Amino acid sequence: MSERIVMRTGEALVAGGPPGTAAEPEIVIGELNGPVGTALATLTGDQVQGHSRVFAILNTDIQVRPVTLMVSKVTVKGKMAARYTNILMGTVQGAIANGVLDAVRAGDIPKEKANDLGIIVSVWLNPSVASDDNLDHQILFDIHRKATAQAIHKAMTNTPDIDWLLDNQDKITHKYFQMGLDGKI
């Protein structure tokens, strides 16, 4: 794939683990010399309290390619904030980095474009992990890794496509809308 990738978007939901371990990343991917690169640079330099933005790394001093910026969807305050941040900037950060490399290995991201693309990942990490003394970090890692790779795959393959969406629009009800209809929220 040598075509220019201006901007693609994708999301994925991976659940099935213990409570609080589900992942639902939303990603934007595109050329660094386009709107995604501009957004990535702007977000990196414009930190917001409670929504730290950091690069996805395999470990300290080992950043992945394509450069991937994590942005938290959740603000956690109080006594659990430090633990939440350590889980986000540890287990989940490593999982996202591995998910990006999995997407390169799978061919969803062309290896020859690894230095030319940027990814922004909006990260959902349930605040309940901060108070879970029995949190299984391996399960949390595996779920976020898989979700990241799936979101990238969906972005790079334009999945679901517009024909599928139009064909299935009236067959799908948003989970939380249905819960509202059922009086559960």
N, C-alpha and C. Protein backbone atom coordinates (compact mmCIF):
# COMPACT_ATOMS: atom_id res chain seq x y z
N MET A 1 0.86 -1.17 0.00
CA MET A 1 0.00 0.00 0.00
C MET A 1 0.90 1.23 0.00
N SER A 2 1.00 1.88 -1.13
CA SER A 2 1.84 3.07 -1.20
C SER A 2 1.01 4.34 -1.32
N GLU A 3 -0.30 4.21 -1.29
CA GLU A 3 -1.17 5.38 -1.37
C GLU A 3 -1.01 6.25 -0.13
N ARG A 4 -1.31 7.52 -0.31
CA ARG A 4 -1.26 8.45 0.81
C ARG A 4 -2.42 8.16 1.76
N ILE A 5 -2.12 8.11 3.04
CA ILE A 5 -3.13 7.87 4.07
C ILE A 5 -3.32 9.19 4.80
N VAL A 6 -4.31 9.96 4.36
CA VAL A 6 -4.53 11.28 4.95
C VAL A 6 -5.07 11.13 6.36
N MET A 7 -6.19 10.44 6.49
CA MET A 7 -6.74 10.21 7.82
C MET A 7 -7.75 9.07 7.75
N ARG A 8 -7.58 8.13 8.62
CA ARG A 8 -8.52 7.02 8.78
C ARG A 8 -8.91 6.95 10.25
N THR A 9 -10.10 6.43 10.51
CA THR A 9 -10.57 6.29 11.89
C THR A 9 -11.06 4.88 12.12
N GLY A 10 -10.98 4.46 13.36
CA GLY A 10 -11.48 3.15 13.73
C GLY A 10 -11.71 3.06 15.22
N GLU A 11 -12.53 2.11 15.59
CA GLU A 11 -12.77 1.83 17.01
C GLU A 11 -13.02 0.35 17.16
N ALA A 12 -12.88 -0.11 18.38
CA ALA A 12 -13.14 -1.51 18.66
C ALA A 12 -13.55 -1.64 20.12
N LEU A 13 -14.32 -2.65 20.40
CA LEU A 13 -14.67 -2.97 21.78
C LEU A 13 -14.28 -4.42 22.01
N VAL A 14 -13.43 -4.62 23.00
CA VAL A 14 -13.06 -5.97 23.40
C VAL A 14 -13.37 -6.07 24.89
N ALA A 15 -14.21 -7.02 25.21
CA ALA A 15 -14.62 -7.26 26.59
C ALA A 15 -14.44 -8.75 26.86
N GLY A 16 -15.08 -9.24 27.91
CA GLY A 16 -15.04 -10.67 28.19
C GLY A 16 -14.14 -11.04 29.34
N GLY A 17 -13.37 -10.08 29.84
CA GLY A 17 -12.51 -10.35 30.99
C GLY A 17 -13.24 -10.00 32.27
N PRO A 18 -12.50 -9.98 33.36
CA PRO A 18 -13.09 -9.58 34.64
C PRO A 18 -13.64 -8.16 34.57
N PRO A 19 -14.52 -7.78 35.48
CA PRO A 19 -15.06 -6.42 35.47
C PRO A 19 -13.96 -5.36 35.42
N GLY A 20 -14.19 -4.33 34.60
CA GLY A 20 -13.26 -3.22 34.49
C GLY A 20 -12.16 -3.39 33.47
N THR A 21 -12.06 -4.54 32.83
CA THR A 21 -10.94 -4.77 31.92
C THR A 21 -11.27 -4.54 30.46
N ALA A 22 -12.51 -4.22 30.13
CA ALA A 22 -12.88 -3.99 28.73
C ALA A 22 -12.10 -2.81 28.17
N ALA A 23 -11.86 -2.87 26.87
CA ALA A 23 -11.15 -1.79 26.17
C ALA A 23 -12.01 -1.32 25.00
N GLU A 24 -12.04 -0.01 24.80
CA GLU A 24 -12.78 0.55 23.68
C GLU A 24 -12.01 1.73 23.10
N PRO A 25 -10.88 1.44 22.43
CA PRO A 25 -10.09 2.53 21.85
C PRO A 25 -10.75 3.10 20.60
N GLU A 26 -10.56 4.39 20.42
CA GLU A 26 -10.92 5.06 19.18
C GLU A 26 -9.62 5.62 18.63
N ILE A 27 -9.36 5.37 17.36
CA ILE A 27 -8.07 5.78 16.81
C ILE A 27 -8.25 6.64 15.56
N VAL A 28 -7.27 7.48 15.37
CA VAL A 28 -7.11 8.26 14.15
C VAL A 28 -5.71 7.94 13.66
N ILE A 29 -5.57 7.65 12.38
CA ILE A 29 -4.25 7.34 11.82
C ILE A 29 -4.09 8.07 10.50
N GLY A 30 -2.90 8.59 10.28
CA GLY A 30 -2.64 9.29 9.02
C GLY A 30 -1.19 9.72 8.92
N GLU A 31 -0.87 10.32 7.77
CA GLU A 31 0.48 10.79 7.48
C GLU A 31 0.88 11.88 8.47
N LEU A 32 2.14 11.86 8.89
CA LEU A 32 2.64 12.88 9.80
C LEU A 32 2.71 14.25 9.14
N ASN A 33 2.79 14.30 7.82
CA ASN A 33 2.83 15.59 7.13
C ASN A 33 1.44 16.01 6.66
N GLY A 34 0.44 15.66 7.45
CA GLY A 34 -0.94 16.03 7.16
C GLY A 34 -1.66 16.39 8.44
N PRO A 35 -3.00 16.35 8.42
CA PRO A 35 -3.76 16.76 9.59
C PRO A 35 -3.52 15.91 10.83
N VAL A 36 -3.25 14.63 10.67
CA VAL A 36 -2.99 13.79 11.84
C VAL A 36 -1.68 14.18 12.51
N GLY A 37 -0.66 14.47 11.70
CA GLY A 37 0.61 14.92 12.27
C GLY A 37 0.46 16.23 13.01
N THR A 38 -0.32 17.15 12.44
CA THR A 38 -0.56 18.43 13.11
C THR A 38 -1.29 18.20 14.43
N ALA A 39 -2.32 17.36 14.42
CA ALA A 39 -3.07 17.07 15.64
C ALA A 39 -2.18 16.40 16.68
N LEU A 40 -1.36 15.47 16.25
CA LEU A 40 -0.48 14.76 17.16
C LEU A 40 0.49 15.72 17.83
N ALA A 41 1.10 16.60 17.05
CA ALA A 41 2.04 17.57 17.62
C ALA A 41 1.33 18.54 18.55
N THR A 42 0.15 18.97 18.17
CA THR A 42 -0.61 19.91 19.01
C THR A 42 -1.00 19.26 20.33
N LEU A 43 -1.51 18.04 20.27
CA LEU A 43 -1.91 17.34 21.49
C LEU A 43 -0.72 17.07 22.41
N THR A 44 0.41 16.75 21.83
CA THR A 44 1.60 16.46 22.63
C THR A 44 2.02 17.69 23.43
N GLY A 45 1.93 18.85 22.81
CA GLY A 45 2.37 20.07 23.47
C GLY A 45 1.30 20.77 24.28
N ASP A 46 0.08 20.28 24.23
CA ASP A 46 -1.04 20.94 24.90
C ASP A 46 -1.63 20.01 25.95
N GLN A 47 -0.85 19.71 26.97
CA GLN A 47 -1.29 18.80 28.01
C GLN A 47 -2.46 19.39 28.80
N VAL A 48 -3.39 18.54 29.20
CA VAL A 48 -4.57 18.94 29.96
C VAL A 48 -4.60 18.12 31.24
N GLN A 49 -4.75 18.79 32.36
CA GLN A 49 -4.77 18.09 33.64
C GLN A 49 -5.85 17.02 33.64
N GLY A 50 -5.47 15.82 34.05
CA GLY A 50 -6.41 14.72 34.11
C GLY A 50 -6.50 13.92 32.82
N HIS A 51 -5.93 14.44 31.74
CA HIS A 51 -5.97 13.73 30.45
C HIS A 51 -4.57 13.77 29.84
N SER A 52 -3.61 13.23 30.56
CA SER A 52 -2.23 13.23 30.08
C SER A 52 -2.12 12.56 28.73
N ARG A 53 -1.23 13.08 27.94
CA ARG A 53 -1.00 12.54 26.60
C ARG A 53 0.44 12.06 26.54
N VAL A 54 0.60 10.79 26.26
CA VAL A 54 1.94 10.20 26.24
C VAL A 54 2.06 9.29 25.03
N PHE A 55 3.30 9.10 24.60
CA PHE A 55 3.55 8.16 23.52
C PHE A 55 3.41 6.73 24.02
N ALA A 56 2.97 5.85 23.15
CA ALA A 56 2.93 4.43 23.46
C ALA A 56 4.36 3.90 23.37
N ILE A 57 4.76 3.21 24.42
CA ILE A 57 6.12 2.68 24.49
C ILE A 57 6.08 1.22 24.92
N LEU A 58 7.07 0.47 24.46
CA LEU A 58 7.21 -0.92 24.91
C LEU A 58 7.73 -0.95 26.34
N ASN A 59 8.62 -0.03 26.63
CA ASN A 59 9.19 0.15 27.95
C ASN A 59 9.87 1.50 27.93
N THR A 60 10.27 1.97 29.06
CA THR A 60 10.94 3.25 29.11
C THR A 60 12.03 3.31 28.05
N ASP A 61 12.01 4.37 27.25
CA ASP A 61 13.04 4.62 26.24
C ASP A 61 12.88 3.78 24.97
N ILE A 62 11.70 3.11 24.79
CA ILE A 62 11.50 2.31 23.58
C ILE A 62 10.13 2.65 22.99
N GLN A 63 10.09 3.71 22.20
CA GLN A 63 8.85 4.17 21.56
C GLN A 63 8.57 3.33 20.32
N VAL A 64 7.29 3.06 20.08
CA VAL A 64 6.93 2.27 18.90
C VAL A 64 6.78 3.17 17.67
N ARG A 65 6.80 2.53 16.52
CA ARG A 65 6.53 3.15 15.24
C ARG A 65 5.38 2.40 14.60
N PRO A 66 4.45 3.08 13.99
CA PRO A 66 4.29 4.51 13.91
C PRO A 66 4.14 5.15 15.29
N VAL A 67 4.60 6.40 15.39
CA VAL A 67 4.46 7.13 16.64
C VAL A 67 2.98 7.11 17.02
N THR A 68 2.72 6.78 18.27
CA THR A 68 1.34 6.62 18.75
C THR A 68 1.17 7.41 20.03
N LEU A 69 0.19 8.31 20.00
CA LEU A 69 -0.10 9.14 21.16
C LEU A 69 -1.36 8.65 21.85
N MET A 70 -1.25 8.36 23.14
CA MET A 70 -2.40 7.93 23.95
C MET A 70 -3.03 9.15 24.61
N VAL A 71 -4.35 9.23 24.56
CA VAL A 71 -5.10 10.29 25.24
C VAL A 71 -6.19 9.60 26.06
N SER A 72 -6.20 9.84 27.35
CA SER A 72 -7.18 9.20 28.22
C SER A 72 -8.55 9.84 28.07
N LYS A 73 -9.60 9.01 28.04
CA LYS A 73 -10.98 9.48 28.00
C LYS A 73 -11.51 9.77 29.40
N VAL A 74 -10.78 9.37 30.42
CA VAL A 74 -11.28 9.41 31.80
C VAL A 74 -10.40 10.32 32.67
N THR A 75 -11.03 11.10 33.52
CA THR A 75 -10.32 11.85 34.54
C THR A 75 -10.62 11.20 35.88
N VAL A 76 -9.59 10.78 36.57
CA VAL A 76 -9.76 10.18 37.89
C VAL A 76 -9.10 11.11 38.89
N LYS A 77 -9.85 11.46 39.91
CA LYS A 77 -9.34 12.35 40.96
C LYS A 77 -9.38 11.62 42.29
N GLY A 78 -8.71 12.19 43.26
CA GLY A 78 -8.75 11.62 44.59
C GLY A 78 -7.65 10.63 44.85
N LYS A 79 -7.87 9.80 45.87
CA LYS A 79 -6.82 8.91 46.34
C LYS A 79 -6.46 7.81 45.34
N MET A 80 -7.35 7.49 44.40
CA MET A 80 -7.06 6.42 43.44
C MET A 80 -6.40 6.93 42.16
N ALA A 81 -6.24 8.23 42.02
CA ALA A 81 -5.71 8.80 40.78
C ALA A 81 -4.31 8.29 40.46
N ALA A 82 -3.45 8.22 41.47
CA ALA A 82 -2.07 7.78 41.24
C ALA A 82 -2.02 6.33 40.75
N ARG A 83 -2.81 5.47 41.38
CA ARG A 83 -2.81 4.06 40.97
C ARG A 83 -3.39 3.91 39.55
N TYR A 84 -4.47 4.63 39.29
CA TYR A 84 -5.08 4.60 37.95
C TYR A 84 -4.06 5.02 36.90
N THR A 85 -3.37 6.12 37.19
CA THR A 85 -2.38 6.63 36.23
C THR A 85 -1.26 5.62 36.02
N ASN A 86 -0.82 4.96 37.07
CA ASN A 86 0.24 3.95 36.93
C ASN A 86 -0.22 2.77 36.08
N ILE A 87 -1.48 2.38 36.21
CA ILE A 87 -2.01 1.28 35.40
C ILE A 87 -2.13 1.73 33.95
N LEU A 88 -2.66 2.94 33.74
CA LEU A 88 -2.80 3.49 32.40
C LEU A 88 -1.44 3.65 31.72
N MET A 89 -0.48 4.21 32.45
CA MET A 89 0.83 4.50 31.87
C MET A 89 1.80 3.34 32.05
N GLY A 90 1.28 2.20 32.38
CA GLY A 90 2.09 1.00 32.51
C GLY A 90 1.49 -0.12 31.67
N THR A 91 0.59 -0.86 32.28
CA THR A 91 -0.02 -2.01 31.62
C THR A 91 -0.68 -1.63 30.30
N VAL A 92 -1.51 -0.59 30.33
CA VAL A 92 -2.26 -0.23 29.12
C VAL A 92 -1.35 0.40 28.07
N GLN A 93 -0.41 1.22 28.50
CA GLN A 93 0.52 1.84 27.56
C GLN A 93 1.33 0.77 26.82
N GLY A 94 1.81 -0.21 27.55
CA GLY A 94 2.54 -1.31 26.91
C GLY A 94 1.66 -2.13 25.99
N ALA A 95 0.40 -2.32 26.38
CA ALA A 95 -0.54 -3.08 25.55
C ALA A 95 -0.80 -2.36 24.24
N ILE A 96 -1.01 -1.06 24.30
CA ILE A 96 -1.26 -0.29 23.08
C ILE A 96 -0.05 -0.34 22.17
N ALA A 97 1.14 -0.18 22.73
CA ALA A 97 2.36 -0.27 21.92
C ALA A 97 2.45 -1.61 21.20
N ASN A 98 2.15 -2.68 21.92
CA ASN A 98 2.18 -4.01 21.30
C ASN A 98 1.10 -4.17 20.26
N GLY A 99 -0.09 -3.60 20.50
CA GLY A 99 -1.17 -3.66 19.52
C GLY A 99 -0.80 -2.96 18.22
N VAL A 100 -0.09 -1.85 18.33
CA VAL A 100 0.38 -1.13 17.13
C VAL A 100 1.34 -2.02 16.35
N LEU A 101 2.29 -2.62 17.04
CA LEU A 101 3.24 -3.50 16.35
C LEU A 101 2.54 -4.73 15.77
N ASP A 102 1.52 -5.23 16.45
CA ASP A 102 0.75 -6.35 15.90
C ASP A 102 0.09 -5.94 14.59
N ALA A 103 -0.39 -4.70 14.52
CA ALA A 103 -1.03 -4.21 13.29
C ALA A 103 -0.02 -4.08 12.15
N VAL A 104 1.20 -3.70 12.48
CA VAL A 104 2.25 -3.66 11.45
C VAL A 104 2.56 -5.09 10.99
N ARG A 105 2.74 -5.97 11.95
CA ARG A 105 3.06 -7.37 11.62
C ARG A 105 1.96 -8.01 10.77
N ALA A 106 0.70 -7.66 11.04
CA ALA A 106 -0.44 -8.22 10.29
C ALA A 106 -0.59 -7.59 8.90
N GLY A 107 0.15 -6.51 8.65
CA GLY A 107 0.06 -5.85 7.36
C GLY A 107 -1.00 -4.77 7.28
N ASP A 108 -1.70 -4.51 8.39
CA ASP A 108 -2.70 -3.44 8.39
C ASP A 108 -2.04 -2.08 8.25
N ILE A 109 -0.89 -1.92 8.85
CA ILE A 109 -0.06 -0.73 8.68
C ILE A 109 1.13 -1.16 7.83
N PRO A 110 1.30 -0.54 6.67
CA PRO A 110 2.45 -0.91 5.84
C PRO A 110 3.78 -0.62 6.56
N LYS A 111 4.62 -1.62 6.65
CA LYS A 111 5.90 -1.48 7.35
C LYS A 111 6.72 -0.32 6.78
N GLU A 112 6.65 -0.13 5.47
CA GLU A 112 7.43 0.94 4.85
C GLU A 112 6.91 2.33 5.21
N LYS A 113 5.73 2.41 5.82
CA LYS A 113 5.17 3.70 6.24
C LYS A 113 5.28 3.92 7.75
N ALA A 114 5.96 3.04 8.45
CA ALA A 114 6.02 3.11 9.91
C ALA A 114 6.60 4.43 10.43
N ASN A 115 7.49 5.06 9.68
CA ASN A 115 8.07 6.33 10.12
C ASN A 115 7.32 7.53 9.58
N ASP A 116 6.33 7.30 8.74
CA ASP A 116 5.60 8.40 8.09
C ASP A 116 4.19 8.59 8.63
N LEU A 117 3.71 7.64 9.43
CA LEU A 117 2.35 7.70 9.96
C LEU A 117 2.35 8.06 11.43
N GLY A 118 1.23 8.60 11.88
CA GLY A 118 1.01 8.86 13.29
C GLY A 118 -0.34 8.31 13.68
N ILE A 119 -0.46 7.91 14.93
CA ILE A 119 -1.70 7.36 15.45
C ILE A 119 -2.04 8.09 16.74
N ILE A 120 -3.30 8.46 16.87
CA ILE A 120 -3.81 9.01 18.13
C ILE A 120 -4.82 7.99 18.64
N VAL A 121 -4.62 7.54 19.87
CA VAL A 121 -5.52 6.56 20.47
C VAL A 121 -6.22 7.20 21.66
N SER A 122 -7.53 7.30 21.57
CA SER A 122 -8.34 7.74 22.69
C SER A 122 -8.64 6.50 23.52
N VAL A 123 -8.14 6.48 24.75
CA VAL A 123 -8.12 5.26 25.56
C VAL A 123 -9.22 5.27 26.62
N TRP A 124 -10.01 4.21 26.63
CA TRP A 124 -10.97 3.98 27.71
C TRP A 124 -10.37 2.97 28.67
N LEU A 125 -10.15 3.39 29.92
CA LEU A 125 -9.75 2.48 30.99
C LEU A 125 -10.71 2.73 32.13
N ASN A 126 -11.46 1.71 32.50
CA ASN A 126 -12.47 1.84 33.53
C ASN A 126 -11.83 2.29 34.84
N PRO A 127 -12.35 3.36 35.46
CA PRO A 127 -11.80 3.84 36.73
C PRO A 127 -11.81 2.79 37.84
N SER A 128 -12.65 1.77 37.72
CA SER A 128 -12.73 0.75 38.76
C SER A 128 -11.43 -0.03 38.93
N VAL A 129 -10.56 -0.02 37.90
CA VAL A 129 -9.30 -0.76 38.03
C VAL A 129 -8.44 -0.22 39.18
N ALA A 130 -8.60 1.06 39.48
CA ALA A 130 -7.78 1.67 40.52
C ALA A 130 -8.08 1.11 41.91
N SER A 131 -9.28 0.61 42.10
CA SER A 131 -9.63 0.09 43.42
C SER A 131 -9.74 -1.44 43.43
N ASP A 132 -9.34 -2.08 42.36
CA ASP A 132 -9.41 -3.54 42.26
C ASP A 132 -8.10 -4.14 42.74
N ASP A 133 -8.09 -4.66 43.96
CA ASP A 133 -6.87 -5.24 44.52
C ASP A 133 -6.49 -6.56 43.86
N ASN A 134 -7.40 -7.14 43.10
CA ASN A 134 -7.14 -8.40 42.42
C ASN A 134 -7.05 -8.24 40.90
N LEU A 135 -6.77 -7.02 40.45
CA LEU A 135 -6.70 -6.75 39.02
C LEU A 135 -5.70 -7.68 38.35
N ASP A 136 -6.14 -8.35 37.30
CA ASP A 136 -5.27 -9.23 36.54
C ASP A 136 -4.64 -8.40 35.42
N HIS A 137 -3.41 -7.97 35.63
CA HIS A 137 -2.73 -7.11 34.66
C HIS A 137 -2.50 -7.80 33.33
N GLN A 138 -2.33 -9.11 33.33
CA GLN A 138 -2.11 -9.83 32.07
C GLN A 138 -3.38 -9.80 31.23
N ILE A 139 -4.53 -10.03 31.84
CA ILE A 139 -5.80 -9.97 31.11
C ILE A 139 -6.04 -8.55 30.60
N LEU A 140 -5.82 -7.56 31.45
CA LEU A 140 -5.99 -6.17 31.04
C LEU A 140 -5.09 -5.85 29.85
N PHE A 141 -3.84 -6.27 29.92
CA PHE A 141 -2.87 -6.07 28.84
C PHE A 141 -3.36 -6.73 27.55
N ASP A 142 -3.74 -7.99 27.63
CA ASP A 142 -4.17 -8.74 26.44
C ASP A 142 -5.39 -8.11 25.78
N ILE A 143 -6.35 -7.65 26.58
CA ILE A 143 -7.57 -7.06 26.04
C ILE A 143 -7.26 -5.73 25.35
N HIS A 144 -6.45 -4.88 25.96
CA HIS A 144 -6.13 -3.59 25.34
C HIS A 144 -5.24 -3.77 24.11
N ARG A 145 -4.37 -4.75 24.13
CA ARG A 145 -3.54 -5.03 22.95
C ARG A 145 -4.42 -5.46 21.78
N LYS A 146 -5.32 -6.39 22.04
CA LYS A 146 -6.21 -6.88 20.99
C LYS A 146 -7.11 -5.76 20.47
N ALA A 147 -7.66 -4.95 21.36
CA ALA A 147 -8.56 -3.87 20.94
C ALA A 147 -7.83 -2.84 20.08
N THR A 148 -6.59 -2.53 20.43
CA THR A 148 -5.81 -1.58 19.64
C THR A 148 -5.58 -2.11 18.23
N ALA A 149 -5.15 -3.35 18.13
CA ALA A 149 -4.91 -3.94 16.82
C ALA A 149 -6.21 -4.00 16.00
N GLN A 150 -7.32 -4.33 16.66
CA GLN A 150 -8.61 -4.39 15.95
C GLN A 150 -9.04 -3.02 15.46
N ALA A 151 -8.88 -1.99 16.29
CA ALA A 151 -9.27 -0.64 15.89
C ALA A 151 -8.44 -0.17 14.70
N ILE A 152 -7.15 -0.48 14.70
CA ILE A 152 -6.29 -0.11 13.57
C ILE A 152 -6.72 -0.87 12.33
N HIS A 153 -7.00 -2.15 12.47
CA HIS A 153 -7.46 -2.95 11.32
C HIS A 153 -8.73 -2.35 10.73
N LYS A 154 -9.67 -2.00 11.58
CA LYS A 154 -10.93 -1.42 11.11
C LYS A 154 -10.69 -0.08 10.41
N ALA A 155 -9.78 0.72 10.95
CA ALA A 155 -9.47 2.01 10.32
C ALA A 155 -8.85 1.81 8.94
N MET A 156 -7.91 0.91 8.86
CA MET A 156 -7.17 0.73 7.61
C MET A 156 -7.98 -0.01 6.55
N THR A 157 -9.04 -0.70 6.95
CA THR A 157 -9.87 -1.41 5.98
C THR A 157 -11.24 -0.75 5.81
N ASN A 158 -11.40 0.43 6.42
CA ASN A 158 -12.67 1.16 6.35
C ASN A 158 -13.85 0.28 6.74
N THR A 159 -13.69 -0.41 7.86
CA THR A 159 -14.69 -1.33 8.36
C THR A 159 -15.40 -0.73 9.56
N PRO A 160 -16.70 -0.79 9.63
CA PRO A 160 -17.62 -1.29 8.61
C PRO A 160 -17.76 -0.30 7.46
N ASP A 161 -18.02 -0.83 6.28
CA ASP A 161 -18.17 0.07 5.13
C ASP A 161 -19.59 0.62 5.08
N ILE A 162 -19.80 1.62 4.26
CA ILE A 162 -21.08 2.32 4.24
C ILE A 162 -22.22 1.41 3.80
N ASP A 163 -21.98 0.48 2.89
CA ASP A 163 -23.05 -0.43 2.47
C ASP A 163 -23.53 -1.29 3.63
N TRP A 164 -22.58 -1.82 4.42
CA TRP A 164 -22.95 -2.64 5.58
C TRP A 164 -23.74 -1.79 6.57
N LEU A 165 -23.28 -0.58 6.83
CA LEU A 165 -23.97 0.30 7.77
C LEU A 165 -25.39 0.60 7.33
N LEU A 166 -25.57 0.90 6.05
CA LEU A 166 -26.92 1.18 5.54
C LEU A 166 -27.81 -0.05 5.61
N ASP A 167 -27.25 -1.22 5.30
CA ASP A 167 -28.03 -2.46 5.34
C ASP A 167 -28.42 -2.85 6.77
N ASN A 168 -27.62 -2.47 7.76
CA ASN A 168 -27.83 -2.93 9.13
C ASN A 168 -28.30 -1.85 10.10
N GLN A 169 -28.48 -0.65 9.62
CA GLN A 169 -28.83 0.48 10.47
C GLN A 169 -30.03 0.19 11.37
N ASP A 170 -31.08 -0.35 10.82
CA ASP A 170 -32.30 -0.58 11.59
C ASP A 170 -32.29 -1.89 12.38
N LYS A 171 -31.22 -2.65 12.26
CA LYS A 171 -31.10 -3.91 13.00
C LYS A 171 -30.28 -3.76 14.28
N ILE A 172 -29.65 -2.60 14.43
CA ILE A 172 -28.73 -2.40 15.56
C ILE A 172 -29.27 -1.31 16.47
N THR A 173 -29.33 -1.62 17.75
CA THR A 173 -29.74 -0.65 18.77
C THR A 173 -28.58 -0.45 19.72
N HIS A 174 -28.24 0.79 19.97
CA HIS A 174 -27.13 1.10 20.87
C HIS A 174 -27.42 0.50 22.25
N LYS A 175 -26.42 -0.16 22.79
CA LYS A 175 -26.55 -0.89 24.06
C LYS A 175 -27.14 -0.02 25.17
N TYR A 176 -26.63 1.18 25.33
CA TYR A 176 -27.10 2.03 26.43
C TYR A 176 -28.46 2.67 26.14
N PHE A 177 -28.79 2.85 24.88
CA PHE A 177 -30.13 3.28 24.51
C PHE A 177 -31.13 2.19 24.90
N GLN A 178 -30.78 0.94 24.60
CA GLN A 178 -31.66 -0.18 24.95
C GLN A 178 -31.81 -0.29 26.45
N MET A 179 -30.74 -0.09 27.19
CA MET A 179 -30.82 -0.13 28.66
C MET A 179 -31.75 0.97 29.17
N GLY A 180 -31.70 2.14 28.52
CA GLY A 180 -32.61 3.21 28.88
C GLY A 180 -34.05 2.84 28.59
N LEU A 181 -34.28 2.24 27.42
CA LEU A 181 -35.63 1.79 27.07
C LEU A 181 -36.14 0.76 28.06
N ASP A 182 -35.22 -0.08 28.55
CA ASP A 182 -35.58 -1.14 29.48
C ASP A 182 -35.65 -0.66 30.93
N GLY A 183 -35.39 0.64 31.16
CA GLY A 183 -35.45 1.19 32.51
C GLY A 183 -34.26 0.81 33.39
N LYS A 184 -33.15 0.44 32.78
CA LYS A 184 -31.99 0.02 33.55
C LYS A 184 -30.99 1.14 33.79
N ILE A 185 -31.23 2.30 33.16
CA ILE A 185 -30.39 3.47 33.46
C ILE A 185 -31.27 4.70 33.56
